[in-house]
Amino acid sequence: MNLGRFGDVLVGTAGDVAGTVVDPREGLNKLRSALSVRAVATVAVGLLLGYALARSGRRA
């Protein structure tokens, strides 16, 4: 993954989410087309790792 473009992708996705509020049908179509299997897997792994770290920190 090219981390140099990560900020651009993040801002674009945030814009798509904001557009969903204005026009839900078009916004959801843009989000669906922007998501890839790799992006979804990366987010899922990040959420699981964050959850695991938060639980281990809470028990200590």
PDB file of N, CA and C in Angstrom:
ATOM      1  N   MET A   1       0.839  -1.178   0.000  1.00  0.00           N
ATOM      2  CA  MET A   1       0.000   0.000   0.000  1.00  0.00           C
ATOM      3  C   MET A   1       0.880   1.237   0.000  1.00  0.00           C
ATOM      4  N   ASN A   2       0.565   2.172  -0.860  1.00  0.00           N
ATOM      5  CA  ASN A   2       1.327   3.407  -0.982  1.00  0.00           C
ATOM      6  C   ASN A   2       0.858   4.376   0.100  1.00  0.00           C
ATOM      7  N   LEU A   3       1.665   4.573   1.125  1.00  0.00           N
ATOM      8  CA  LEU A   3       1.270   5.436   2.242  1.00  0.00           C
ATOM      9  C   LEU A   3       1.294   6.914   1.875  1.00  0.00           C
ATOM     10  N   GLY A   4       1.926   7.279   0.776  1.00  0.00           N
ATOM     11  CA  GLY A   4       1.945   8.666   0.341  1.00  0.00           C
ATOM     12  C   GLY A   4       0.569   9.153  -0.076  1.00  0.00           C
ATOM     13  N   ARG A   5      -0.256   8.249  -0.564  1.00  0.00           N
ATOM     14  CA  ARG A   5      -1.611   8.603  -0.998  1.00  0.00           C
ATOM     15  C   ARG A   5      -2.650   8.327   0.076  1.00  0.00           C
ATOM     16  N   PHE A   6      -2.252   7.833   1.217  1.00  0.00           N
ATOM     17  CA  PHE A   6      -3.200   7.447   2.255  1.00  0.00           C
ATOM     18  C   PHE A   6      -4.070   8.619   2.695  1.00  0.00           C
ATOM     19  N   GLY A   7      -3.474   9.785   2.854  1.00  0.00           N
ATOM     20  CA  GLY A   7      -4.233  10.969   3.246  1.00  0.00           C
ATOM     21  C   GLY A   7      -5.271  11.342   2.201  1.00  0.00           C
ATOM     22  N   ASP A   8      -4.899  11.245   0.922  1.00  0.00           N
ATOM     23  CA  ASP A   8      -5.840  11.558  -0.149  1.00  0.00           C
ATOM     24  C   ASP A   8      -7.010  10.586  -0.156  1.00  0.00           C
ATOM     25  N   VAL A   9      -6.723   9.315   0.059  1.00  0.00           N
ATOM     26  CA  VAL A   9      -7.774   8.308   0.091  1.00  0.00           C
ATOM     27  C   VAL A   9      -8.688   8.545   1.279  1.00  0.00           C
ATOM     28  N   LEU A  10      -8.107   8.876   2.413  1.00  0.00           N
ATOM     29  CA  LEU A  10      -8.889   9.125   3.624  1.00  0.00           C
ATOM     30  C   LEU A  10      -9.813  10.332   3.457  1.00  0.00           C
ATOM     31  N   VAL A  11      -9.294  11.409   2.874  1.00  0.00           N
ATOM     32  CA  VAL A  11     -10.106  12.607   2.650  1.00  0.00           C
ATOM     33  C   VAL A  11     -11.211  12.322   1.633  1.00  0.00           C
ATOM     34  N   GLY A  12     -10.885  11.573   0.593  1.00  0.00           N
ATOM     35  CA  GLY A  12     -11.894  11.221  -0.404  1.00  0.00           C
ATOM     36  C   GLY A  12     -13.003  10.377   0.189  1.00  0.00           C
ATOM     37  N   THR A  13     -12.638   9.438   1.037  1.00  0.00           N
ATOM     38  CA  THR A  13     -13.634   8.593   1.684  1.00  0.00           C
ATOM     39  C   THR A  13     -14.496   9.412   2.641  1.00  0.00           C
ATOM     40  N   ALA A  14     -13.877  10.328   3.375  1.00  0.00           N
ATOM     41  CA  ALA A  14     -14.645  11.196   4.271  1.00  0.00           C
ATOM     42  C   ALA A  14     -15.628  12.052   3.473  1.00  0.00           C
ATOM     43  N   GLY A  15     -15.226  12.517   2.305  1.00  0.00           N
ATOM     44  CA  GLY A  15     -16.123  13.275   1.440  1.00  0.00           C
ATOM     45  C   GLY A  15     -17.281  12.428   0.954  1.00  0.00           C
ATOM     46  N   ASP A  16     -17.001  11.180   0.623  1.00  0.00           N
ATOM     47  CA  ASP A  16     -18.069  10.269   0.196  1.00  0.00           C
ATOM     48  C   ASP A  16     -19.054  10.020   1.332  1.00  0.00           C
ATOM     49  N   VAL A  17     -18.538   9.880   2.540  1.00  0.00           N
ATOM     50  CA  VAL A  17     -19.416   9.676   3.699  1.00  0.00           C
ATOM     51  C   VAL A  17     -20.281  10.912   3.915  1.00  0.00           C
ATOM     52  N   ALA A  18     -19.696  12.096   3.800  1.00  0.00           N
ATOM     53  CA  ALA A  18     -20.467  13.329   3.953  1.00  0.00           C
ATOM     54  C   ALA A  18     -21.511  13.453   2.846  1.00  0.00           C
ATOM     55  N   GLY A  19     -21.162  13.030   1.633  1.00  0.00           N
ATOM     56  CA  GLY A  19     -22.111  13.057   0.529  1.00  0.00           C
ATOM     57  C   GLY A  19     -23.270  12.110   0.740  1.00  0.00           C
ATOM     58  N   THR A  20     -23.049  11.067   1.502  1.00  0.00           N
ATOM     59  CA  THR A  20     -24.107  10.106   1.789  1.00  0.00           C
ATOM     60  C   THR A  20     -25.234  10.761   2.585  1.00  0.00           C
ATOM     61  N   VAL A  21     -24.900  11.745   3.408  1.00  0.00           N
ATOM     62  CA  VAL A  21     -25.916  12.447   4.183  1.00  0.00           C
ATOM     63  C   VAL A  21     -26.829  13.243   3.244  1.00  0.00           C
ATOM     64  N   VAL A  22     -26.249  13.857   2.221  1.00  0.00           N
ATOM     65  CA  VAL A  22     -27.008  14.679   1.290  1.00  0.00           C
ATOM     66  C   VAL A  22     -27.820  13.820   0.325  1.00  0.00           C
ATOM     67  N   ASP A  23     -27.175  12.824  -0.284  1.00  0.00           N
ATOM     68  CA  ASP A  23     -27.839  11.945  -1.250  1.00  0.00           C
ATOM     69  C   ASP A  23     -27.470  10.506  -0.907  1.00  0.00           C
ATOM     70  N   PRO A  24     -28.263   9.860  -0.052  1.00  0.00           N
ATOM     71  CA  PRO A  24     -27.901   8.529   0.442  1.00  0.00           C
ATOM     72  C   PRO A  24     -27.676   7.488  -0.657  1.00  0.00           C
ATOM     73  N   ARG A  25     -28.495   7.471  -1.670  1.00  0.00           N
ATOM     74  CA  ARG A  25     -28.345   6.445  -2.711  1.00  0.00           C
ATOM     75  C   ARG A  25     -27.029   6.605  -3.467  1.00  0.00           C
ATOM     76  N   GLU A  26     -26.734   7.808  -3.918  1.00  0.00           N
ATOM     77  CA  GLU A  26     -25.491   8.047  -4.659  1.00  0.00           C
ATOM     78  C   GLU A  26     -24.265   7.875  -3.757  1.00  0.00           C
ATOM     79  N   GLY A  27     -24.357   8.331  -2.524  1.00  0.00           N
ATOM     80  CA  GLY A  27     -23.239   8.198  -1.597  1.00  0.00           C
ATOM     81  C   GLY A  27     -22.898   6.752  -1.312  1.00  0.00           C
ATOM     82  N   LEU A  28     -23.911   5.926  -1.095  1.00  0.00           N
ATOM     83  CA  LEU A  28     -23.661   4.505  -0.841  1.00  0.00           C
ATOM     84  C   LEU A  28     -23.083   3.815  -2.071  1.00  0.00           C
ATOM     85  N   ASN A  29     -23.524   4.215  -3.267  1.00  0.00           N
ATOM     86  CA  ASN A  29     -22.947   3.638  -4.491  1.00  0.00           C
ATOM     87  C   ASN A  29     -21.469   3.984  -4.609  1.00  0.00           C
ATOM     88  N   LYS A  30     -21.105   5.225  -4.275  1.00  0.00           N
ATOM     89  CA  LYS A  30     -19.690   5.625  -4.330  1.00  0.00           C
ATOM     90  C   LYS A  30     -18.865   4.858  -3.303  1.00  0.00           C
ATOM     91  N   LEU A  31     -19.401   4.703  -2.094  1.00  0.00           N
ATOM     92  CA  LEU A  31     -18.666   3.970  -1.066  1.00  0.00           C
ATOM     93  C   LEU A  31     -18.477   2.515  -1.463  1.00  0.00           C
ATOM     94  N   ARG A  32     -19.517   1.909  -2.001  1.00  0.00           N
ATOM     95  CA  ARG A  32     -19.412   0.510  -2.415  1.00  0.00           C
ATOM     96  C   ARG A  32     -18.371   0.334  -3.508  1.00  0.00           C
ATOM     97  N   SER A  33     -18.318   1.270  -4.449  1.00  0.00           N
ATOM     98  CA  SER A  33     -17.351   1.147  -5.539  1.00  0.00           C
ATOM     99  C   SER A  33     -15.930   1.431  -5.057  1.00  0.00           C
ATOM    100  N   ALA A  34     -15.781   2.232  -4.006  1.00  0.00           N
ATOM    101  CA  ALA A  34     -14.448   2.586  -3.512  1.00  0.00           C
ATOM    102  C   ALA A  34     -13.847   1.491  -2.638  1.00  0.00           C
ATOM    103  N   LEU A  35     -14.692   0.675  -2.029  1.00  0.00           N
ATOM    104  CA  LEU A  35     -14.185  -0.354  -1.133  1.00  0.00           C
ATOM    105  C   LEU A  35     -13.666  -1.545  -1.909  1.00  0.00           C
ATOM    106  N   SER A  36     -12.532  -2.025  -1.502  1.00  0.00           N
ATOM    107  CA  SER A  36     -11.980  -3.235  -2.085  1.00  0.00           C
ATOM    108  C   SER A  36     -11.866  -4.281  -0.980  1.00  0.00           C
ATOM    109  N   VAL A  37     -11.670  -5.504  -1.378  1.00  0.00           N
ATOM    110  CA  VAL A  37     -11.530  -6.586  -0.402  1.00  0.00           C
ATOM    111  C   VAL A  37     -10.326  -6.317   0.495  1.00  0.00           C
ATOM    112  N   ARG A  38      -9.266  -5.814  -0.093  1.00  0.00           N
ATOM    113  CA  ARG A  38      -8.048  -5.535   0.676  1.00  0.00           C
ATOM    114  C   ARG A  38      -8.297  -4.439   1.718  1.00  0.00           C
ATOM    115  N   ALA A  39      -9.025  -3.392   1.331  1.00  0.00           N
ATOM    116  CA  ALA A  39      -9.303  -2.303   2.270  1.00  0.00           C
ATOM    117  C   ALA A  39     -10.192  -2.786   3.418  1.00  0.00           C
ATOM    118  N   VAL A  40     -11.201  -3.569   3.091  1.00  0.00           N
ATOM    119  CA  VAL A  40     -12.095  -4.084   4.129  1.00  0.00           C
ATOM    120  C   VAL A  40     -11.330  -5.001   5.078  1.00  0.00           C
ATOM    121  N   ALA A  41     -10.472  -5.862   4.531  1.00  0.00           N
ATOM    122  CA  ALA A  41      -9.681  -6.762   5.364  1.00  0.00           C
ATOM    123  C   ALA A  41      -8.725  -5.977   6.261  1.00  0.00           C
ATOM    124  N   THR A  42      -8.122  -4.930   5.740  1.00  0.00           N
ATOM    125  CA  THR A  42      -7.197  -4.107   6.520  1.00  0.00           C
ATOM    126  C   THR A  42      -7.922  -3.429   7.679  1.00  0.00           C
ATOM    127  N   VAL A  43      -9.100  -2.888   7.412  1.00  0.00           N
ATOM    128  CA  VAL A  43      -9.872  -2.236   8.465  1.00  0.00           C
ATOM    129  C   VAL A  43     -10.310  -3.259   9.514  1.00  0.00           C
ATOM    130  N   ALA A  44     -10.750  -4.437   9.067  1.00  0.00           N
ATOM    131  CA  ALA A  44     -11.194  -5.476  10.000  1.00  0.00           C
ATOM    132  C   ALA A  44     -10.048  -5.927  10.905  1.00  0.00           C
ATOM    133  N   VAL A  45      -8.877  -6.139  10.338  1.00  0.00           N
ATOM    134  CA  VAL A  45      -7.718  -6.551  11.136  1.00  0.00           C
ATOM    135  C   VAL A  45      -7.340  -5.443  12.114  1.00  0.00           C
ATOM    136  N   GLY A  46      -7.385  -4.190  11.658  1.00  0.00           N
ATOM    137  CA  GLY A  46      -7.069  -3.072  12.541  1.00  0.00           C
ATOM    138  C   GLY A  46      -8.038  -2.974  13.711  1.00  0.00           C
ATOM    139  N   LEU A  47      -9.325  -3.185  13.433  1.00  0.00           N
ATOM    140  CA  LEU A  47     -10.313  -3.153  14.509  1.00  0.00           C
ATOM    141  C   LEU A  47     -10.100  -4.288  15.503  1.00  0.00           C
ATOM    142  N   LEU A  48      -9.807  -5.474  14.996  1.00  0.00           N
ATOM    143  CA  LEU A  48      -9.561  -6.612  15.888  1.00  0.00           C
ATOM    144  C   LEU A  48      -8.317  -6.401  16.746  1.00  0.00           C
ATOM    145  N   LEU A  49      -7.251  -5.878  16.144  1.00  0.00           N
ATOM    146  CA  LEU A  49      -6.032  -5.606  16.914  1.00  0.00           C
ATOM    147  C   LEU A  49      -6.273  -4.526  17.965  1.00  0.00           C
ATOM    148  N   GLY A  50      -6.992  -3.485  17.587  1.00  0.00           N
ATOM    149  CA  GLY A  50      -7.310  -2.430  18.548  1.00  0.00           C
ATOM    150  C   GLY A  50      -8.142  -2.954  19.703  1.00  0.00           C
ATOM    151  N   TYR A  51      -9.104  -3.799  19.398  1.00  0.00           N
ATOM    152  CA  TYR A  51      -9.947  -4.397  20.440  1.00  0.00           C
ATOM    153  C   TYR A  51      -9.109  -5.258  21.381  1.00  0.00           C
ATOM    154  N   ALA A  52      -8.226  -6.085  20.788  1.00  0.00           N
ATOM    155  CA  ALA A  52      -7.386  -6.966  21.597  1.00  0.00           C
ATOM    156  C   ALA A  52      -6.453  -6.152  22.500  1.00  0.00           C
ATOM    157  N   LEU A  53      -5.864  -5.091  21.950  1.00  0.00           N
ATOM    158  CA  LEU A  53      -4.972  -4.244  22.751  1.00  0.00           C
ATOM    159  C   LEU A  53      -5.734  -3.535  23.874  1.00  0.00           C
ATOM    160  N   ALA A  54      -6.928  -3.063  23.572  1.00  0.00           N
ATOM    161  CA  ALA A  54      -7.717  -2.377  24.586  1.00  0.00           C
ATOM    162  C   ALA A  54      -8.110  -3.338  25.712  1.00  0.00           C
ATOM    163  N   ARG A  55      -8.469  -4.559  25.366  1.00  0.00           N
ATOM    164  CA  ARG A  55      -8.838  -5.534  26.394  1.00  0.00           C
ATOM    165  C   ARG A  55      -7.643  -5.931  27.248  1.00  0.00           C
ATOM    166  N   SER A  56      -6.498  -6.110  26.605  1.00  0.00           N
ATOM    167  CA  SER A  56      -5.322  -6.511  27.399  1.00  0.00           C
ATOM    168  C   SER A  56      -4.879  -5.364  28.310  1.00  0.00           C
ATOM    169  N   GLY A  57      -4.999  -4.150  27.858  1.00  0.00           N
ATOM    170  CA  GLY A  57      -4.630  -2.996  28.677  1.00  0.00           C
ATOM    171  C   GLY A  57      -5.591  -2.792  29.844  1.00  0.00           C
ATOM    172  N   ARG A  58      -6.812  -3.151  29.640  1.00  0.00           N
ATOM    173  CA  ARG A  58      -7.825  -2.991  30.672  1.00  0.00           C
ATOM    174  C   ARG A  58      -7.660  -3.998  31.801  1.00  0.00           C
ATOM    175  N   ARG A  59      -7.176  -5.190  31.471  1.00  0.00           N
ATOM    176  CA  ARG A  59      -6.990  -6.246  32.470  1.00  0.00           C
ATOM    177  C   ARG A  59      -5.775  -6.010  33.341  1.00  0.00           C
ATOM    178  N   ALA A  60      -4.815  -5.273  32.856  1.00  0.00           N
ATOM    179  CA  ALA A  60      -3.569  -5.085  33.604  1.00  0.00           C
ATOM    180  C   ALA A  60      -3.723  -4.176  34.782  1.00  0.00           C
TER     181      ALA A  60
END
